[in-house]
């Protein structure tokens, strides 16, 4: 079936309600002490549709429709799905905003996306109102928590026509090698492709229609949950369960309480769970399998034996609209293997000239749907950035920026990331964005931001800083004071996870013939940058800012 025939996500919601109306659709575990749903929450597909229709009427009455975008900072509130499907029915694209973003970051997303309305939780109202005031131009802010019956009208009329599979459904901002995040244009077909691909992979990932309860602690504003988990449960009539965030201390209790049958998470979570003392719930759950990206090979078998379910390795990106998974036995759980091409994707490992590499030779991972329709089901492009879109789609293949190697059977294994991205606790952080912020500090001359290894968070941000002439970093106390000042500067201006966890003051940085810093030559091969003399550890200061909801 051509997934364009499925139409919109709202069309699929109507179909799912007809088949599974009384089955649970969304749930959150009990979260005592939280200001919303502290006792937990569960809603059926039929109740979901009722909430969607209420929202759809409000948005439609105000004149929102095809071609508009609305930015929403909802901080994991489950009622987000009422807005999601309601706006989808009208042809409005939803721009999800990371709740950890600061004012400048929020302003960039709202302004760049040309959003017609900003909806946000009350605890961020001061920042959001400041953004609206700075942008001007008729943009309005309304409360997510106290959503009004009457909305301000958009400044432009919607386009004529009806939304369909090709209509933009969402705009997700993802970090790239440039300083600012890029807006990925995602259609209804894209979301249907991700969900259907997940459902049809089979093997260890085989799902039962109308029966699965999928627990995903990752943010709803990220593709892992919104693009992968949510469409899979929508298409199959399952229940998506999500807390406000990952809580190691209540993980097993939550899985038991919510009767989860599937868990989906990132590679740092197994590492954390294995360090917890044994508890009765860790073997009393009903989880059949988990889907995970980047589990550490040395922990893979240990995790499965202790907790009693398979951890199925996978690979995907926000842009791709499909995933690849090592889901068929025998799985290669002692390696970084993530699977073979499937009915949804063709894949290769190529050199810098686009030449396919033989088995055993590393190359950049490139993928496509097929030679005839390479981009089918992928993202539609980066908003207002045709150059970046064309660069990603060189020679008819999507270039992922990941370095992989395949074996003789066609099984791909992850080697490293080619792009200048730091991956910390599931967040993709552009080094250039952090560098731009640090460089603006009045005592900094130059900086190179790199990834330092981290046993808990996979990677941590390390800033190698050259100070301006006359700035004192000659003694440990002066270095420590300046490092803390630079950290505070970043922490004030960026999401907390982007601030440097390590700072090292250096006299110079290796430069290439193009006058660019050669980051691979800052430290000799095999050297842990954290062990460099004078490296200052600031990780304990990386705490979420007051007022940011969780």
Protein backbone atom coordinates (compact mmCIF):
# COMPACT_ATOMS: atom_id res chain seq x y z
CA UNK A 1 0.00 0.00 0.00
CA UNK A 2 1.21 3.50 -0.82
CA UNK A 3 1.19 5.26 2.55
CA UNK A 4 0.06 8.47 0.89
CA UNK A 5 -3.34 6.79 0.66
CA UNK A 6 -3.58 6.86 4.46
CA UNK A 7 -4.02 10.62 4.25
CA UNK A 8 -3.44 12.59 7.46
CA UNK A 9 -2.64 11.43 10.96
CA UNK A 10 -6.12 12.61 11.92
CA UNK A 11 -7.56 10.29 9.26
CA UNK A 12 -5.64 7.43 10.86
CA UNK A 13 -6.90 8.48 14.29
CA UNK A 14 -10.49 8.16 13.05
CA UNK A 15 -9.72 4.69 11.68
CA UNK A 16 -8.06 3.62 14.92
CA UNK A 17 -11.00 4.87 17.00
CA UNK A 18 -13.36 2.80 14.86
CA UNK A 19 -11.29 -0.35 15.48
CA UNK A 20 -9.91 0.18 18.99
CA UNK A 21 -12.07 2.95 20.49
CA UNK A 22 -12.34 1.46 23.97
CA UNK A 23 -8.66 0.45 24.14
CA UNK A 24 -6.16 2.69 26.00
CA UNK A 25 -4.34 5.19 23.82
CA UNK A 26 -2.13 7.30 26.11
CA UNK A 27 -1.01 6.99 29.71
CA UNK A 28 1.42 8.44 32.23
CA UNK A 29 2.60 6.68 35.41
CA UNK A 30 1.90 8.09 38.87
CA UNK A 31 4.26 11.01 39.50
CA UNK A 32 3.71 12.23 43.10
CA UNK A 33 4.69 15.83 43.66
CA UNK A 34 4.16 16.90 40.07
CA UNK A 35 1.75 19.69 39.25
CA UNK A 36 -0.09 17.66 36.61
CA UNK A 37 -1.50 14.13 36.81
CA UNK A 38 0.39 13.23 40.03
CA UNK A 39 -1.74 10.09 40.40
CA UNK A 40 -1.21 8.94 36.83
CA UNK A 41 -3.44 9.25 33.79
CA UNK A 42 -4.90 7.01 31.11
CA UNK A 43 -7.25 7.74 28.24
CA UNK A 44 -8.88 5.61 25.55
CA UNK A 45 -8.77 6.23 21.83
CA UNK A 46 -12.40 7.33 21.91
CA UNK A 47 -11.69 9.82 24.71
CA UNK A 48 -8.67 11.02 22.78
CA UNK A 49 -10.86 11.81 19.79
CA UNK A 50 -13.28 13.75 22.03
CA UNK A 51 -10.40 15.90 23.28
CA UNK A 52 -9.12 16.37 19.74
CA UNK A 53 -12.48 17.50 18.44
CA UNK A 54 -12.79 20.12 21.18
CA UNK A 55 -9.43 21.56 20.21
CA UNK A 56 -10.13 21.33 16.50
CA UNK A 57 -13.27 23.41 16.90
CA UNK A 58 -11.39 26.13 18.82
CA UNK A 59 -8.55 26.35 16.30
CA UNK A 60 -10.90 26.22 13.30
CA UNK A 61 -13.17 28.92 14.70
CA UNK A 62 -10.15 31.23 15.02
CA UNK A 63 -9.22 30.69 11.36
CA UNK A 64 -6.18 28.42 11.57
CA UNK A 65 -5.79 26.08 8.64
CA UNK A 66 -3.72 24.71 5.81
CA UNK A 67 -0.23 26.23 5.62
CA UNK A 68 -0.11 27.71 9.12
CA UNK A 69 2.43 26.67 11.75
CA UNK A 70 1.88 26.82 15.52
CA UNK A 71 4.75 26.52 18.02
CA UNK A 72 3.98 24.62 21.22
CA UNK A 73 6.13 24.37 24.35
CA UNK A 74 4.19 21.72 26.25
CA UNK A 75 6.82 20.13 28.50
CA UNK A 76 5.61 16.53 28.14
CA UNK A 77 1.97 17.25 29.00
CA UNK A 78 -0.06 14.34 27.63
CA UNK A 79 -2.83 16.68 26.45
CA UNK A 80 -0.40 17.70 23.71
CA UNK A 81 -1.94 14.97 21.57
CA UNK A 82 -5.28 16.77 21.57
CA UNK A 83 -3.54 19.73 19.92
CA UNK A 84 -1.42 17.49 17.67
CA UNK A 85 -4.31 15.71 15.97
CA UNK A 86 -6.63 18.72 16.01
CA UNK A 87 -4.12 20.87 14.15
CA UNK A 88 -3.29 17.97 11.85
CA UNK A 89 -6.95 17.74 10.84
CA UNK A 90 -6.82 21.39 9.79
CA UNK A 91 -3.55 21.12 7.89
CA UNK A 92 -1.60 23.13 10.50
CA UNK A 93 2.00 22.10 11.15
CA UNK A 94 3.07 21.75 14.79
CA UNK A 95 6.47 23.13 15.79
CA UNK A 96 7.55 21.44 19.02
CA UNK A 97 9.84 23.45 21.30
CA UNK A 98 12.36 21.89 23.66
CA UNK A 99 11.30 23.00 27.18
CA UNK A 100 14.95 23.44 28.13
CA UNK A 101 15.45 26.17 25.51
CA UNK A 102 16.27 29.67 26.67
CA UNK A 103 14.74 32.83 25.24
CA UNK A 104 17.13 33.26 22.33
CA UNK A 105 16.72 29.63 21.31
CA UNK A 106 12.93 29.83 21.53
CA UNK A 107 12.89 33.04 19.55
CA UNK A 108 14.97 31.49 16.79
CA UNK A 109 12.61 28.52 16.39
CA UNK A 110 9.42 30.60 16.51
CA UNK A 111 10.76 33.28 14.18
CA UNK A 112 12.49 30.94 11.74
CA UNK A 113 9.37 28.75 11.45
CA UNK A 114 7.16 31.83 10.92
CA UNK A 115 4.73 30.45 13.47
CA UNK A 116 1.30 32.07 13.57
CA UNK A 117 0.75 31.39 17.27
CA UNK A 118 2.79 30.40 20.32
CA UNK A 119 1.24 28.05 22.89
CA UNK A 120 3.16 27.41 26.11
CA UNK A 121 2.98 26.13 29.66
CA UNK A 122 2.47 28.77 32.33
CA UNK A 123 5.76 28.17 34.13
CA UNK A 124 7.59 29.50 31.04
CA UNK A 125 5.21 32.37 30.41
CA UNK A 126 7.69 35.13 31.25
CA UNK A 127 10.24 33.88 28.74
CA UNK A 128 7.61 33.17 26.10
CA UNK A 129 6.01 36.57 26.46
CA UNK A 130 9.43 38.20 26.12
CA UNK A 131 9.94 36.29 22.87
CA UNK A 132 6.55 37.43 21.54
CA UNK A 133 7.30 41.03 22.48
CA UNK A 134 10.68 40.89 20.74
CA UNK A 135 9.30 39.36 17.55
CA UNK A 136 6.22 41.56 17.33
CA UNK A 137 4.32 41.40 14.06
CA UNK A 138 1.04 40.22 15.50
CA UNK A 139 2.34 36.99 17.07
CA UNK A 140 0.30 36.02 20.13
CA UNK A 141 0.90 33.80 23.15
CA UNK A 142 -1.78 31.63 24.76
CA UNK A 143 -1.58 29.31 27.75
CA UNK A 144 -1.30 25.58 27.23
CA UNK A 145 -2.45 24.92 30.82
CA UNK A 146 -5.45 27.28 30.60
CA UNK A 147 -6.17 26.99 26.91
CA UNK A 148 -8.84 29.57 26.01
CA UNK A 149 -12.06 28.96 24.10
CA UNK A 150 -11.34 31.97 21.90
CA UNK A 151 -7.98 32.38 20.19
CA UNK A 152 -6.41 35.39 18.47
CA UNK A 153 -6.83 35.11 14.73
CA UNK A 154 -3.79 34.45 12.52
CA UNK A 155 -2.39 37.40 10.59
CA UNK A 156 -2.60 35.48 7.30
CA UNK A 157 -5.39 33.41 5.77
CA UNK A 158 -4.91 29.66 5.31
CA UNK A 159 -4.33 28.18 1.89
CA UNK A 160 -7.24 26.70 0.03
CA UNK A 161 -7.57 22.94 -0.20
CA UNK A 162 -7.60 19.97 2.16
CA UNK A 163 -4.64 18.37 3.96
CA UNK A 164 -3.44 14.99 2.70
CA UNK A 165 -0.45 12.68 2.96
CA UNK A 166 1.89 15.24 1.43
CA UNK A 167 0.92 18.00 3.88
CA UNK A 168 3.47 19.18 6.41
CA UNK A 169 2.42 17.80 9.80
CA UNK A 170 5.35 18.82 11.96
CA UNK A 171 8.53 20.84 12.03
CA UNK A 172 11.23 19.39 14.30
CA UNK A 173 14.47 21.25 14.84
CA UNK A 174 17.58 19.11 14.89
CA UNK A 175 21.20 20.11 15.44
CA UNK A 176 23.61 20.16 12.54
CA UNK A 177 27.18 21.18 11.93
CA UNK A 178 26.13 24.83 11.71
CA UNK A 179 25.51 26.93 14.78
CA UNK A 180 21.72 26.96 14.63
CA UNK A 181 19.39 23.95 14.57
CA UNK A 182 17.82 23.05 11.22
CA UNK A 183 14.06 22.69 10.84
CA UNK A 184 13.11 19.29 9.43
CA UNK A 185 9.89 19.47 7.41
CA UNK A 186 7.89 16.32 8.19
CA UNK A 187 4.74 15.27 6.31
CA UNK A 188 1.92 12.94 7.20
CA UNK A 189 3.51 10.36 4.90
CA UNK A 190 6.76 10.65 6.88
CA UNK A 191 5.07 9.84 10.19
CA UNK A 192 3.10 6.99 8.64
CA UNK A 193 6.30 5.61 7.14
CA UNK A 194 8.17 5.61 10.46
CA UNK A 195 5.30 3.92 12.28
CA UNK A 196 4.57 1.34 9.60
CA UNK A 197 8.24 0.46 9.18
CA UNK A 198 8.51 -0.15 12.93
CA UNK A 199 5.41 -2.35 12.92
CA UNK A 200 6.55 -4.44 9.96
CA UNK A 201 10.17 -5.16 10.93
CA UNK A 202 9.08 -8.31 12.77
CA UNK A 203 11.41 -10.72 14.50
CA UNK A 204 12.01 -9.65 18.07
CA UNK A 205 10.01 -6.49 17.37
CA UNK A 206 6.78 -8.28 16.46
CA UNK A 207 3.77 -6.38 17.84
CA UNK A 208 0.20 -7.44 18.53
CA UNK A 209 -2.47 -5.04 17.22
CA UNK A 210 -4.53 -3.43 19.97
CA UNK A 211 -2.53 -5.05 22.78
CA UNK A 212 0.84 -3.37 23.18
CA UNK A 213 1.64 -0.77 25.84
CA UNK A 214 4.83 1.06 24.87
CA UNK A 215 6.79 2.92 27.55
CA UNK A 216 9.06 5.66 26.22
CA UNK A 217 10.68 8.08 28.71
CA UNK A 218 12.25 10.23 25.97
CA UNK A 219 10.82 13.69 25.24
CA UNK A 220 7.76 13.99 23.03
CA UNK A 221 9.38 16.89 21.22
CA UNK A 222 12.06 14.48 19.93
CA UNK A 223 11.69 12.21 16.92
CA UNK A 224 12.34 9.04 18.94
CA UNK A 225 9.00 9.36 20.70
CA UNK A 226 6.94 11.61 18.39
CA UNK A 227 8.05 10.14 15.04
CA UNK A 228 8.65 6.50 15.96
CA UNK A 229 6.68 5.42 19.05
CA UNK A 230 3.60 7.61 18.60
CA UNK A 231 2.80 6.63 14.97
CA UNK A 232 3.41 2.94 15.69
CA UNK A 233 0.87 2.95 18.51
CA UNK A 234 -1.55 5.11 16.49
CA UNK A 235 -1.47 2.70 13.54
CA UNK A 236 -1.75 -0.45 15.67
CA UNK A 237 -4.19 0.71 18.35
CA UNK A 238 -1.61 0.39 21.12
CA UNK A 239 -1.04 2.61 24.14
CA UNK A 240 1.87 5.06 24.39
CA UNK A 241 3.06 5.56 27.98
CA UNK A 242 5.42 8.36 28.93
CA UNK A 243 6.55 9.99 32.19
CA UNK A 244 7.75 13.59 32.49
CA UNK A 245 11.29 12.28 31.96
CA UNK A 246 13.49 9.27 32.68
CA UNK A 247 13.57 8.40 36.40
CA UNK A 248 15.98 5.62 37.28
CA UNK A 249 14.59 5.28 40.80
CA UNK A 250 11.02 4.57 39.64
CA UNK A 251 11.77 2.90 36.28
CA UNK A 252 10.82 -0.67 37.20
CA UNK A 253 7.95 0.41 39.43
CA UNK A 254 6.56 2.48 36.55
CA UNK A 255 6.82 -0.41 34.08
CA UNK A 256 4.90 -2.66 36.46
CA UNK A 257 2.30 -0.01 37.38
CA UNK A 258 1.57 0.88 33.74
CA UNK A 259 1.58 -2.76 32.57
CA UNK A 260 4.10 -1.91 29.85
CA UNK A 261 4.80 -4.60 27.25
CA UNK A 262 7.45 -2.66 25.27
CA UNK A 263 10.14 -0.22 26.36
CA UNK A 264 11.95 2.20 24.09
CA UNK A 265 15.01 4.16 25.17
CA UNK A 266 18.55 5.37 24.41
CA UNK A 267 21.85 3.62 25.08
CA UNK A 268 22.68 5.42 28.32
CA UNK A 269 19.65 3.97 30.12
CA UNK A 270 20.89 0.34 30.27
CA UNK A 271 24.13 1.64 31.75
CA UNK A 272 22.23 3.45 34.50
CA UNK A 273 19.79 0.63 35.24
CA UNK A 274 22.54 -1.95 35.58
CA UNK A 275 24.10 0.11 38.38
CA UNK A 276 20.91 0.03 40.47
CA UNK A 277 20.59 -2.50 43.29
CA UNK A 278 18.25 -5.42 42.53
CA UNK A 279 14.55 -4.92 43.26
CA UNK A 280 11.51 -7.22 42.92
CA UNK A 281 9.95 -5.15 40.13
CA UNK A 282 12.89 -5.64 37.76
CA UNK A 283 11.68 -9.18 37.06
CA UNK A 284 7.95 -8.69 37.79
CA UNK A 285 7.28 -6.55 34.72
CA UNK A 286 5.57 -7.68 31.50
CA UNK A 287 8.02 -6.18 28.99
CA UNK A 288 8.40 -8.39 25.91
CA UNK A 289 11.21 -6.44 24.24
CA UNK A 290 12.90 -3.06 24.16
CA UNK A 291 14.12 -0.96 21.26
CA UNK A 292 17.34 0.91 21.92
CA UNK A 293 19.88 2.96 19.97
CA UNK A 294 23.51 2.65 21.02
CA UNK A 295 23.57 0.08 23.81
CA UNK A 296 27.12 -0.63 24.97
CA UNK A 297 28.10 -4.11 23.66
CA UNK A 298 29.70 -5.10 26.98
CA UNK A 299 26.38 -4.44 28.74
CA UNK A 300 24.01 -5.92 26.18
CA UNK A 301 23.95 -9.56 27.26
CA UNK A 302 24.28 -8.67 30.94
CA UNK A 303 21.19 -6.46 30.72
CA UNK A 304 19.10 -9.07 28.92
CA UNK A 305 19.99 -11.82 31.38
CA UNK A 306 19.36 -9.72 34.47
CA UNK A 307 16.09 -8.10 33.41
CA UNK A 308 14.61 -10.82 31.25
CA UNK A 309 13.87 -9.22 27.86
CA UNK A 310 15.83 -8.54 24.65
CA UNK A 311 17.33 -5.13 23.95
CA UNK A 312 16.97 -4.75 20.19
CA UNK A 313 19.54 -2.42 18.63
CA UNK A 314 18.38 0.08 16.01
CA UNK A 315 19.47 3.04 13.89
CA UNK A 316 17.44 6.05 12.75
CA UNK A 317 17.60 9.82 12.32
CA UNK A 318 14.96 12.52 12.46
CA UNK A 319 15.35 13.00 8.72
CA UNK A 320 14.99 9.37 7.62
CA UNK A 321 11.38 8.40 8.31
CA UNK A 322 12.35 4.76 8.84
CA UNK A 323 14.57 2.69 11.07
CA UNK A 324 16.97 -0.21 10.66
CA UNK A 325 17.20 -2.82 13.38
CA UNK A 326 19.10 -5.96 14.34
CA UNK A 327 15.80 -7.59 15.25
CA UNK A 328 16.12 -11.07 13.73
CA UNK A 329 17.95 -13.92 15.37
CA UNK A 330 20.79 -14.53 15.63
CA UNK A 331 21.38 -10.98 16.82
CA UNK A 332 24.93 -9.64 17.13
CA UNK A 333 24.60 -8.34 20.67
CA UNK A 334 28.33 -8.34 21.42
CA UNK A 335 29.02 -5.80 18.67
CA UNK A 336 27.69 -2.41 17.60
CA UNK A 337 25.65 -4.01 14.81
CA UNK A 338 22.33 -2.29 14.14
CA UNK A 339 20.87 -4.30 11.29
CA UNK A 340 20.55 -4.83 7.56
CA UNK A 341 18.64 -2.94 4.86
CA UNK A 342 14.96 -3.86 4.75
CA UNK A 343 11.93 -3.33 2.52
CA UNK A 344 11.90 0.34 3.54
CA UNK A 345 15.50 1.29 2.86
CA UNK A 346 18.55 0.67 0.69
CA UNK A 347 21.91 1.35 2.34
CA UNK A 348 25.62 1.55 1.58
CA UNK A 349 28.93 2.50 3.17
CA UNK A 350 30.79 4.87 0.84
CA UNK A 351 34.07 6.80 0.75
CA UNK A 352 34.34 10.56 0.28
CA UNK A 353 33.84 10.12 -3.47
CA UNK A 354 30.64 8.14 -3.06
CA UNK A 355 32.26 4.82 -3.94
CA UNK A 356 30.76 1.85 -2.10
CA UNK A 357 33.20 0.23 0.29
CA UNK A 358 33.72 -3.53 0.45
CA UNK A 359 32.90 -5.55 3.59
CA UNK A 360 35.17 -4.71 6.51
CA UNK A 361 36.11 -1.24 5.23
CA UNK A 362 34.54 1.74 7.08
CA UNK A 363 32.59 4.33 5.12
CA UNK A 364 29.87 6.92 5.52
CA UNK A 365 26.41 5.42 5.91
CA UNK A 366 24.13 6.55 3.07
CA UNK A 367 20.51 5.46 2.58
CA UNK A 368 17.51 5.92 0.31
CA UNK A 369 14.10 4.41 -0.28
CA UNK A 370 14.95 3.18 -3.79
CA UNK A 371 16.69 4.32 -6.93
CA UNK A 372 13.37 5.31 -8.51
CA UNK A 373 12.04 7.22 -5.48
CA UNK A 374 15.03 7.89 -3.20
CA UNK A 375 13.31 10.42 -0.92
CA UNK A 376 9.95 8.71 -0.48
CA UNK A 377 8.89 8.83 3.17
CA UNK A 378 11.92 10.88 4.24
CA UNK A 379 11.78 14.43 5.55
CA UNK A 380 10.87 16.96 2.89
CA UNK A 381 13.93 19.11 3.47
CA UNK A 382 15.41 21.65 5.84
CA UNK A 383 13.24 24.75 6.12
CA UNK A 384 14.75 27.74 4.27
CA UNK A 385 17.98 25.81 3.71
CA UNK A 386 18.01 24.22 0.28
CA UNK A 387 21.80 24.14 0.34
CA UNK A 388 21.87 21.90 3.42
CA UNK A 389 19.12 19.72 1.95
CA UNK A 390 21.02 19.27 -1.32
CA UNK A 391 24.24 18.56 0.58
CA UNK A 392 22.51 15.83 2.58
CA UNK A 393 21.03 14.29 -0.60
CA UNK A 394 24.19 14.02 -2.71
CA UNK A 395 24.16 11.58 -5.62
CA UNK A 396 20.63 10.41 -4.87
CA UNK A 397 21.52 9.11 -1.38
CA UNK A 398 20.89 10.63 2.02
CA UNK A 399 24.26 11.12 3.72
CA UNK A 400 23.85 10.41 7.42
CA UNK A 401 27.23 11.59 8.67
CA UNK A 402 27.72 8.28 10.49
CA UNK A 403 30.68 6.02 9.75
CA UNK A 404 29.77 2.34 9.58
CA UNK A 405 31.20 -0.96 8.42
CA UNK A 406 29.31 -3.93 6.97
CA UNK A 407 30.17 -7.60 7.03
CA UNK A 408 29.84 -10.12 4.22
CA UNK A 409 26.20 -10.81 5.13
CA UNK A 410 25.25 -7.13 4.78
CA UNK A 411 25.02 -6.47 8.54
CA UNK A 412 25.96 -2.87 9.36
CA UNK A 413 27.80 -1.86 12.53
CA UNK A 414 28.28 1.64 13.88
CA UNK A 415 31.85 2.98 14.03
CA UNK A 416 31.72 6.72 14.72
CA UNK A 417 30.02 9.99 13.82
CA UNK A 418 31.48 11.95 10.96
CA UNK A 419 29.64 15.16 11.69
CA UNK A 420 30.73 17.53 14.40
CA UNK A 421 27.95 16.55 16.76
CA UNK A 422 28.20 15.84 20.46
CA UNK A 423 25.64 13.34 21.73
CA UNK A 424 24.92 13.82 25.42
CA UNK A 425 22.14 11.84 27.11
CA UNK A 426 20.23 11.53 23.84
CA UNK A 427 20.60 15.23 22.96
CA UNK A 428 22.39 16.08 19.71
CA UNK A 429 24.42 19.23 20.37
CA UNK A 430 26.13 21.20 17.61
CA UNK A 431 29.66 22.11 18.69
CA UNK A 432 29.47 25.26 16.55
CA UNK A 433 26.53 26.59 18.56
CA UNK A 434 28.42 26.16 21.84
CA UNK A 435 31.54 27.68 20.29
CA UNK A 436 29.59 30.74 19.16
CA UNK A 437 28.28 31.29 22.68
CA UNK A 438 31.67 30.90 24.38
CA UNK A 439 33.42 33.09 21.82
CA UNK A 440 31.06 35.93 22.70
CA UNK A 441 32.50 35.98 26.24
CA UNK A 442 34.61 39.12 26.69
CA UNK A 443 37.71 37.23 27.87
CA UNK A 444 37.74 34.52 25.22
CA UNK A 445 39.77 34.80 22.02
CA UNK A 446 39.09 31.41 20.42
CA UNK A 447 37.54 28.11 21.35
CA UNK A 448 37.20 24.60 19.98
CA UNK A 449 34.42 22.42 21.37
CA UNK A 450 34.86 18.66 21.19
CA UNK A 451 33.24 15.54 22.58
CA UNK A 452 34.80 14.01 25.66
CA UNK A 453 33.84 10.47 26.65
CA UNK A 454 31.45 10.09 29.55
CA UNK A 455 30.63 6.82 31.29
CA UNK A 456 27.06 7.83 32.10
CA UNK A 457 25.96 10.25 29.36
CA UNK A 458 27.85 8.75 26.40
CA UNK A 459 29.59 12.05 25.60
CA UNK A 460 30.18 15.35 27.38
CA UNK A 461 31.02 18.79 26.00
CA UNK A 462 34.62 19.89 26.36
CA UNK A 463 35.73 23.42 25.48
CA UNK A 464 39.38 24.08 24.66
CA UNK A 465 39.72 27.82 25.24
CA UNK A 466 42.32 30.41 24.23
CA UNK A 467 41.90 33.57 26.31
CA UNK A 468 42.48 37.13 25.14
CA UNK A 469 45.85 38.76 25.76
CA UNK A 470 46.16 40.05 29.31
CA UNK A 471 43.66 37.61 30.81
CA UNK A 472 45.18 35.78 33.78
CA UNK A 473 45.00 32.00 33.67
CA UNK A 474 48.45 31.50 35.11
CA UNK A 475 47.46 29.94 38.40
CA UNK A 476 44.85 27.28 39.27
CA UNK A 477 42.60 29.67 41.18
CA UNK A 478 42.39 32.08 38.25
CA UNK A 479 41.69 29.25 35.79
CA UNK A 480 38.98 27.83 38.02
CA UNK A 481 37.31 31.22 38.45
CA UNK A 482 37.31 31.96 34.72
CA UNK A 483 36.08 28.46 33.86
CA UNK A 484 33.13 28.92 36.22
CA UNK A 485 32.42 32.34 34.73
CA UNK A 486 32.41 30.93 31.18
CA UNK A 487 30.16 28.11 32.33
CA UNK A 488 27.73 30.57 33.93
CA UNK A 489 27.76 32.63 30.73
CA UNK A 490 26.73 29.58 28.68
CA UNK A 491 24.26 28.32 31.26
CA UNK A 492 22.44 31.64 31.16
CA UNK A 493 22.18 31.70 27.37
CA UNK A 494 21.63 28.09 26.33
CA UNK A 495 19.79 24.98 27.45
CA UNK A 496 21.63 23.52 30.45
CA UNK A 497 22.78 20.42 28.58
CA UNK A 498 24.71 22.56 26.05
CA UNK A 499 26.98 24.18 28.63
CA UNK A 500 30.54 22.75 28.74
CA UNK A 501 31.09 19.95 31.23
CA UNK A 502 34.86 20.35 30.86
CA UNK A 503 37.00 23.41 30.15
CA UNK A 504 40.67 23.35 29.28
CA UNK A 505 42.70 26.53 28.75
CA UNK A 506 45.23 26.15 25.95
CA UNK A 507 47.85 28.41 24.37
CA UNK A 508 47.03 27.45 20.78
CA UNK A 509 44.89 25.23 18.60
CA UNK A 510 46.07 23.25 15.55
CA UNK A 511 45.09 25.03 12.33
CA UNK A 512 44.80 23.66 8.81
CA UNK A 513 45.57 25.34 5.51
CA UNK A 514 41.98 26.59 5.30
CA UNK A 515 42.42 28.43 8.63
CA UNK A 516 40.06 26.00 10.36
CA UNK A 517 40.82 24.30 13.65
CA UNK A 518 41.87 20.68 13.14
CA UNK A 519 40.07 19.19 16.12
CA UNK A 520 41.38 15.69 15.51
CA UNK A 521 44.88 17.01 16.23
CA UNK A 522 44.12 18.74 19.54
CA UNK A 523 44.89 15.51 21.37
CA UNK A 524 46.99 12.56 20.19
CA UNK A 525 45.06 9.43 19.14
CA UNK A 526 43.89 7.36 22.06
CA UNK A 527 44.33 10.14 24.62
CA UNK A 528 41.42 10.88 26.94
CA UNK A 529 41.02 14.70 26.84
CA UNK A 530 39.66 14.67 30.38
CA UNK A 531 43.09 13.58 31.60
CA UNK A 532 44.83 16.63 30.13
CA UNK A 533 46.70 18.65 32.77
CA UNK A 534 44.55 21.57 33.87
CA UNK A 535 41.24 20.16 32.60
CA UNK A 536 38.48 21.57 34.82
CA UNK A 537 35.49 19.36 35.58
CA UNK A 538 32.23 21.36 35.66
CA UNK A 539 29.78 18.49 35.25
CA UNK A 540 28.25 18.82 38.71
CA UNK A 541 27.16 22.36 37.78
CA UNK A 542 25.09 21.13 34.80
CA UNK A 543 21.76 21.25 36.54
CA UNK A 544 18.44 22.13 35.07
CA UNK A 545 17.50 25.76 35.59
CA UNK A 546 14.76 26.68 38.06
CA UNK A 547 11.42 27.19 36.38
CA UNK A 548 12.02 24.65 33.62
CA UNK A 549 9.23 22.05 33.91
CA UNK A 550 9.97 18.35 34.19
